[in-house]
């Protein structure tokens, strides 16, 4: 059973989940190609877990559609 997960993911956690470099995550979040950053306090930024999960699912769906188109 899952423990109480924070609704936020740190940049480090996002990098681990997506396998994207930190600089790419930050750049794409600023251009709208990745979920927006949330400023938690001072310089501390995070991402909303549900938004990142949805982004990952959308990438998986797009990959499956592309594979089906090639058949």
C-alpha atoms as a PDB file:
ATOM      1  CA  UNK A   1       0.000   0.000   0.000  1.00  0.00           C
ATOM      2  CA  UNK A   2       1.235   3.481  -0.839  1.00  0.00           C
ATOM      3  CA  UNK A   3       2.187   5.818   1.948  1.00  0.00           C
ATOM      4  CA  UNK A   4       0.883   9.363   1.950  1.00  0.00           C
ATOM      5  CA  UNK A   5       2.649  10.880  -1.021  1.00  0.00           C
ATOM      6  CA  UNK A   6       3.277  14.568  -1.287  1.00  0.00           C
ATOM      7  CA  UNK A   7       1.277  16.254  -4.037  1.00  0.00           C
ATOM      8  CA  UNK A   8       4.592  17.760  -5.145  1.00  0.00           C
ATOM      9  CA  UNK A   9       7.689  16.356  -6.814  1.00  0.00           C
ATOM     10  CA  UNK A  10      11.098  17.932  -6.459  1.00  0.00           C
ATOM     11  CA  UNK A  11      13.114  18.669  -9.569  1.00  0.00           C
ATOM     12  CA  UNK A  12      15.368  15.731  -8.667  1.00  0.00           C
ATOM     13  CA  UNK A  13      12.358  13.387  -8.491  1.00  0.00           C
ATOM     14  CA  UNK A  14      11.069  14.656 -11.850  1.00  0.00           C
ATOM     15  CA  UNK A  15      14.487  14.071 -13.428  1.00  0.00           C
ATOM     16  CA  UNK A  16      14.457  10.511 -12.068  1.00  0.00           C
ATOM     17  CA  UNK A  17      10.897   9.789 -13.243  1.00  0.00           C
ATOM     18  CA  UNK A  18      11.314  11.212 -16.738  1.00  0.00           C
ATOM     19  CA  UNK A  19      15.003  10.514 -17.406  1.00  0.00           C
ATOM     20  CA  UNK A  20      15.221  14.063 -18.745  1.00  0.00           C
ATOM     21  CA  UNK A  21      18.120  16.322 -17.779  1.00  0.00           C
ATOM     22  CA  UNK A  22      17.323  19.000 -15.190  1.00  0.00           C
ATOM     23  CA  UNK A  23      17.963  21.774 -17.709  1.00  0.00           C
ATOM     24  CA  UNK A  24      15.480  20.249 -20.161  1.00  0.00           C
ATOM     25  CA  UNK A  25      12.787  19.921 -17.481  1.00  0.00           C
ATOM     26  CA  UNK A  26      13.191  23.571 -16.480  1.00  0.00           C
ATOM     27  CA  UNK A  27      13.369  24.832 -20.082  1.00  0.00           C
ATOM     28  CA  UNK A  28      10.300  22.878 -21.209  1.00  0.00           C
ATOM     29  CA  UNK A  29       8.296  23.907 -18.160  1.00  0.00           C
ATOM     30  CA  UNK A  30       8.947  27.547 -19.082  1.00  0.00           C
ATOM     31  CA  UNK A  31       7.908  26.999 -22.720  1.00  0.00           C
ATOM     32  CA  UNK A  32       4.761  25.024 -21.862  1.00  0.00           C
ATOM     33  CA  UNK A  33       6.021  21.692 -23.187  1.00  0.00           C
ATOM     34  CA  UNK A  34       6.117  20.283 -19.646  1.00  0.00           C
ATOM     35  CA  UNK A  35       3.969  20.995 -16.564  1.00  0.00           C
ATOM     36  CA  UNK A  36       4.562  24.354 -14.920  1.00  0.00           C
ATOM     37  CA  UNK A  37       6.768  24.812 -11.890  1.00  0.00           C
ATOM     38  CA  UNK A  38       5.266  25.679  -8.511  1.00  0.00           C
ATOM     39  CA  UNK A  39       7.222  27.960  -6.196  1.00  0.00           C
ATOM     40  CA  UNK A  40       6.862  26.445  -2.740  1.00  0.00           C
ATOM     41  CA  UNK A  41       8.889  28.867  -0.665  1.00  0.00           C
ATOM     42  CA  UNK A  42      11.719  31.207  -1.555  1.00  0.00           C
ATOM     43  CA  UNK A  43      13.807  29.551  -4.254  1.00  0.00           C
ATOM     44  CA  UNK A  44      12.312  26.087  -3.679  1.00  0.00           C
ATOM     45  CA  UNK A  45      10.448  24.885  -6.756  1.00  0.00           C
ATOM     46  CA  UNK A  46       8.512  21.708  -7.369  1.00  0.00           C
ATOM     47  CA  UNK A  47       6.050  20.208  -9.808  1.00  0.00           C
ATOM     48  CA  UNK A  48       2.528  18.952  -9.153  1.00  0.00           C
ATOM     49  CA  UNK A  49       2.718  15.157  -9.080  1.00  0.00           C
ATOM     50  CA  UNK A  50      -0.606  14.685 -10.904  1.00  0.00           C
ATOM     51  CA  UNK A  51       0.513  17.018 -13.718  1.00  0.00           C
ATOM     52  CA  UNK A  52       3.799  15.165 -14.185  1.00  0.00           C
ATOM     53  CA  UNK A  53       2.029  11.794 -14.104  1.00  0.00           C
ATOM     54  CA  UNK A  54      -0.430  13.037 -16.752  1.00  0.00           C
ATOM     55  CA  UNK A  55       2.448  14.299 -18.904  1.00  0.00           C
ATOM     56  CA  UNK A  56       4.175  10.913 -18.680  1.00  0.00           C
ATOM     57  CA  UNK A  57       0.933   9.140 -19.645  1.00  0.00           C
ATOM     58  CA  UNK A  58       0.475  11.478 -22.617  1.00  0.00           C
ATOM     59  CA  UNK A  59       3.992  10.684 -23.815  1.00  0.00           C
ATOM     60  CA  UNK A  60       3.310   6.953 -23.484  1.00  0.00           C
ATOM     61  CA  UNK A  61       0.042   7.302 -25.399  1.00  0.00           C
ATOM     62  CA  UNK A  62       1.752   9.288 -28.161  1.00  0.00           C
ATOM     63  CA  UNK A  63       4.454   6.627 -28.417  1.00  0.00           C
ATOM     64  CA  UNK A  64       1.855   3.849 -28.701  1.00  0.00           C
ATOM     65  CA  UNK A  65      -0.049   5.771 -31.397  1.00  0.00           C
ATOM     66  CA  UNK A  66       3.150   6.323 -33.372  1.00  0.00           C
ATOM     67  CA  UNK A  67       3.986   2.615 -33.158  1.00  0.00           C
ATOM     68  CA  UNK A  68       0.487   1.718 -34.396  1.00  0.00           C
ATOM     69  CA  UNK A  69       0.799   4.165 -37.290  1.00  0.00           C
ATOM     70  CA  UNK A  70       3.967   2.427 -38.434  1.00  0.00           C
ATOM     71  CA  UNK A  71       2.229  -0.945 -38.759  1.00  0.00           C
END
